[in-house]
Amino acid sequence: MNLKKSLLIIILILLVDQISKVYVKTSFVLGESFDVFGWFKILFIENEGAAWGTKLSDLLPISESAGKLVLTIFRLFAIVGIGYWLWDIIKKQSPKTLILAVSLIFAGALGNIIDSVFYGMIFDHSNGQVATLFAEESYGKLFYGKVVDMLYFPLVDTTWPDWVPSVGGKSFRFFEPVFNIADTAISTGVGILIVFNKKAFPKQNRKESDS
């Protein structure tokens, strides 16, 4: 896979990701949902932290604003590293599987970084109102944006039977997380590296088998 094809994949994912986020942000109130199917909903939430909404301030003795800034800066360094990796494997004409996977991961990471870096500056808040793009009074500032999530798949939404110990009568929902197109691209890229590891890293696997 050459650089042009990799860039095309990245641009397409970014377009779909950002268009879907801007649409949801300017069409839904925070927490509002829309049923597409019984097992698939559009549910607008905002993620201020890392995966599953985890905040650095929950793990370290720092303020939420400081944790948000550290996380955004870390993401910027990470995207530079992933970008260099992608450029390097394209230059070395590495396997298409590896280039595809890293392209997906790069596109997804960049999509969420756009939210974290810029959304606080260009949107007003979504609490009890539909946000405005390029609002006069933004909800944050540079590096303090929130990542927009909206894809929700409650495939199973039921209640545990009363006879089940400790959880009887409690609600059970699968799949709980809410995510976005960028997250999907990252997960797909990582999945490709895991499932097709031998195709992605043929020389490395060959060396391990010979040793």
Protein backbone atom coordinates (compact mmCIF):
# COMPACT_ATOMS: atom_id res chain seq x y z
CA MET A 1 0.00 0.00 0.00
CA ASN A 2 1.42 3.39 -0.98
CA LEU A 3 1.18 6.80 0.68
CA LYS A 4 -1.75 7.97 -1.49
CA LYS A 5 -3.94 5.01 -0.52
CA SER A 6 -3.05 5.44 3.14
CA LEU A 7 -3.92 9.15 3.01
CA LEU A 8 -7.20 8.37 1.27
CA ILE A 9 -8.18 6.00 4.08
CA ILE A 10 -7.23 8.56 6.72
CA ILE A 11 -9.11 11.41 5.00
CA LEU A 12 -12.28 9.32 4.50
CA ILE A 13 -12.32 8.23 8.15
CA LEU A 14 -11.72 11.79 9.36
CA LEU A 15 -14.52 13.13 7.17
CA VAL A 16 -17.06 10.55 8.34
CA ASP A 17 -15.92 10.95 11.96
CA GLN A 18 -16.04 14.74 12.04
CA ILE A 19 -19.25 15.08 10.01
CA SER A 20 -21.02 12.65 12.35
CA LYS A 21 -19.72 14.47 15.44
CA VAL A 22 -20.65 17.94 14.20
CA TYR A 23 -24.11 16.68 13.18
CA VAL A 24 -24.78 15.12 16.57
CA LYS A 25 -23.34 18.08 18.45
CA THR A 26 -25.52 20.56 16.52
CA SER A 27 -28.66 18.41 16.49
CA PHE A 28 -28.87 16.76 19.93
CA VAL A 29 -28.98 17.96 23.50
CA LEU A 30 -26.45 16.24 25.74
CA GLY A 31 -27.92 12.89 26.82
CA GLU A 32 -30.55 12.84 24.05
CA SER A 33 -30.93 9.60 22.10
CA PHE A 34 -32.53 8.36 18.92
CA ASP A 35 -33.50 4.72 18.25
CA VAL A 36 -32.20 3.48 14.91
CA PHE A 37 -33.03 -0.14 15.75
CA GLY A 38 -33.92 -1.79 19.04
CA TRP A 39 -30.28 -2.78 19.48
CA PHE A 40 -28.70 0.38 18.03
CA LYS A 41 -29.15 3.93 19.26
CA ILE A 42 -27.62 7.33 18.61
CA LEU A 43 -26.89 8.58 22.13
CA PHE A 44 -25.06 11.89 22.50
CA ILE A 45 -22.52 11.99 25.30
CA GLU A 46 -19.23 13.83 25.76
CA ASN A 47 -16.06 12.20 27.01
CA GLU A 48 -13.62 14.39 28.93
CA GLY A 49 -11.16 11.59 29.62
CA ALA A 50 -9.51 8.56 28.11
CA ALA A 51 -11.06 5.18 27.27
CA TRP A 52 -14.44 4.54 28.92
CA GLY A 53 -14.46 8.12 30.22
CA THR A 54 -11.62 7.55 32.69
CA LYS A 55 -10.13 10.84 33.95
CA LEU A 56 -6.53 11.32 35.06
CA SER A 57 -7.87 13.24 38.04
CA ASP A 58 -9.54 10.00 39.18
CA LEU A 59 -6.14 8.28 39.19
CA LEU A 60 -3.72 11.06 40.14
CA PRO A 61 -3.87 13.88 42.74
CA ILE A 62 -4.40 16.62 40.14
CA SER A 63 -7.33 18.83 39.17
CA GLU A 64 -9.70 17.91 36.35
CA SER A 65 -8.45 20.78 34.19
CA ALA A 66 -4.82 19.78 34.70
CA GLY A 67 -5.66 16.15 33.97
CA LYS A 68 -7.47 17.16 30.79
CA LEU A 69 -4.49 19.21 29.60
CA VAL A 70 -2.01 16.40 30.35
CA LEU A 71 -4.19 13.89 28.50
CA THR A 72 -4.51 16.14 25.43
CA ILE A 73 -0.75 16.77 25.32
CA PHE A 74 -0.10 13.04 25.67
CA ARG A 75 -2.46 12.40 22.74
CA LEU A 76 -0.55 14.93 20.64
CA PHE A 77 2.76 13.20 21.33
CA ALA A 78 1.14 9.83 20.63
CA ILE A 79 -0.21 10.94 17.25
CA VAL A 80 3.24 12.22 16.26
CA GLY A 81 4.70 8.83 17.15
CA ILE A 82 2.01 6.92 15.25
CA GLY A 83 2.43 9.25 12.28
CA TYR A 84 6.17 8.62 12.18
CA TRP A 85 5.56 4.87 12.43
CA LEU A 86 3.13 5.04 9.52
CA TRP A 87 5.53 7.08 7.37
CA ASP A 88 8.37 4.69 8.18
CA ILE A 89 6.49 1.48 7.28
CA ILE A 90 5.23 3.03 4.03
CA LYS A 91 8.78 4.07 3.13
CA LYS A 92 10.03 0.55 3.89
CA GLN A 93 7.17 -0.96 1.82
CA SER A 94 5.95 -3.03 4.75
CA PRO A 95 3.02 -5.45 4.32
CA LYS A 96 -0.32 -3.92 3.29
CA THR A 97 -1.94 -5.39 6.40
CA LEU A 98 0.39 -3.44 8.68
CA ILE A 99 0.00 -0.17 6.75
CA LEU A 100 -3.80 -0.53 6.72
CA ALA A 101 -3.92 -1.18 10.45
CA VAL A 102 -1.65 1.74 11.35
CA SER A 103 -3.55 4.03 8.96
CA LEU A 104 -6.79 3.18 10.78
CA ILE A 105 -5.21 3.75 14.19
CA PHE A 106 -3.70 7.07 13.07
CA ALA A 107 -6.99 8.30 11.58
CA GLY A 108 -8.94 7.37 14.70
CA ALA A 109 -6.43 8.96 17.06
CA LEU A 110 -6.34 12.14 14.96
CA GLY A 111 -10.14 12.28 14.87
CA ASN A 112 -10.40 12.30 18.66
CA ILE A 113 -7.50 14.75 19.01
CA ILE A 114 -9.40 17.26 16.85
CA ASP A 115 -12.21 17.13 19.43
CA SER A 116 -9.84 17.47 22.39
CA VAL A 117 -7.87 20.35 20.93
CA PHE A 118 -10.47 22.45 19.07
CA TYR A 119 -14.06 21.62 20.11
CA GLY A 120 -13.88 23.67 23.30
CA MET A 121 -13.11 26.74 21.19
CA ILE A 122 -15.66 26.35 18.40
CA PHE A 123 -18.80 25.06 20.20
CA ASP A 124 -20.88 26.33 23.07
CA HIS A 125 -22.12 23.85 25.68
CA SER A 126 -24.75 21.15 25.08
CA ASN A 127 -26.34 21.07 28.55
CA GLY A 128 -30.07 21.57 28.00
CA GLN A 129 -29.52 23.09 24.57
CA VAL A 130 -28.33 22.21 21.08
CA ALA A 131 -24.79 23.50 20.60
CA THR A 132 -23.86 26.10 18.01
CA LEU A 133 -20.85 25.70 15.74
CA PHE A 134 -18.48 28.70 15.92
CA ALA A 135 -20.43 30.08 18.87
CA GLU A 136 -19.68 33.52 20.26
CA GLU A 137 -19.29 32.06 23.76
CA SER A 138 -17.48 28.72 23.58
CA TYR A 139 -17.64 26.16 26.38
CA GLY A 140 -13.86 25.85 26.72
CA LYS A 141 -10.54 26.82 25.23
CA LEU A 142 -7.71 25.34 23.19
CA PHE A 143 -6.73 21.84 24.42
CA TYR A 144 -9.82 21.58 26.65
CA GLY A 145 -12.40 20.16 24.23
CA LYS A 146 -14.56 17.12 24.94
CA VAL A 147 -14.69 14.09 22.65
CA VAL A 148 -18.14 13.52 21.13
CA ASP A 149 -19.47 9.94 21.35
CA MET A 150 -22.75 8.71 19.91
CA LEU A 151 -22.74 5.05 18.79
CA TYR A 152 -24.55 2.88 21.33
CA PHE A 153 -25.34 -0.82 20.94
CA PRO A 154 -27.39 -2.13 23.90
CA LEU A 155 -27.66 -5.61 22.34
CA VAL A 156 -28.99 -7.03 25.60
CA ASP A 157 -31.00 -4.86 28.00
CA THR A 158 -32.66 -6.94 30.69
CA THR A 159 -32.82 -7.69 34.42
CA TRP A 160 -31.06 -10.47 36.25
CA PRO A 161 -33.49 -13.12 37.62
CA ASP A 162 -34.17 -12.76 41.34
CA TRP A 163 -32.64 -16.16 42.08
CA VAL A 164 -29.18 -15.16 40.83
CA PRO A 165 -26.94 -14.51 43.88
CA SER A 166 -25.76 -10.92 44.54
CA VAL A 167 -27.04 -9.52 41.20
CA GLY A 168 -30.65 -10.79 41.25
CA GLY A 169 -33.14 -8.05 40.33
CA LYS A 170 -30.42 -5.72 39.05
CA SER A 171 -30.33 -4.46 35.47
CA PHE A 172 -27.93 -5.99 32.96
CA ARG A 173 -26.94 -4.31 29.73
CA PHE A 174 -24.59 -5.47 26.98
CA PHE A 175 -22.91 -3.67 25.18
CA GLU A 176 -22.63 -0.65 27.53
CA PRO A 177 -19.92 1.68 26.11
CA VAL A 178 -20.80 4.61 23.83
CA PHE A 179 -18.18 5.38 21.18
CA ASN A 180 -17.60 7.10 17.83
CA ILE A 181 -16.22 6.46 14.33
CA ALA A 182 -12.68 7.34 15.44
CA ASP A 183 -12.85 4.77 18.24
CA THR A 184 -14.10 2.21 15.74
CA ALA A 185 -11.14 2.89 13.45
CA ILE A 186 -8.67 2.49 16.32
CA SER A 187 -10.28 -0.74 17.53
CA THR A 188 -10.38 -2.13 13.99
CA GLY A 189 -6.71 -1.30 13.44
CA VAL A 190 -5.67 -2.92 16.71
CA GLY A 191 -7.86 -5.93 15.91
CA ILE A 192 -6.17 -6.35 12.53
CA LEU A 193 -2.74 -6.30 14.19
CA ILE A 194 -3.84 -8.98 16.66
CA VAL A 195 -5.75 -11.28 14.31
CA PHE A 196 -3.43 -10.92 11.31
CA ASN A 197 -0.22 -10.60 13.28
CA LYS A 198 1.74 -12.99 11.03
CA LYS A 199 0.79 -11.04 7.90
CA ALA A 200 1.52 -7.68 9.52
CA PHE A 201 4.93 -8.72 10.89
CA PRO A 202 6.14 -11.56 8.65
CA LYS A 203 9.89 -11.05 9.19
CA GLN A 204 9.54 -10.81 12.95
CA ASN A 205 7.41 -13.96 13.10
CA ARG A 206 9.88 -15.77 10.83
CA LYS A 207 12.81 -14.86 13.11
CA GLU A 208 10.90 -16.08 16.18
CA SER A 209 10.09 -19.40 14.50
CA ASP A 210 13.73 -19.90 13.44
CA SER A 211 15.14 -19.21 16.90
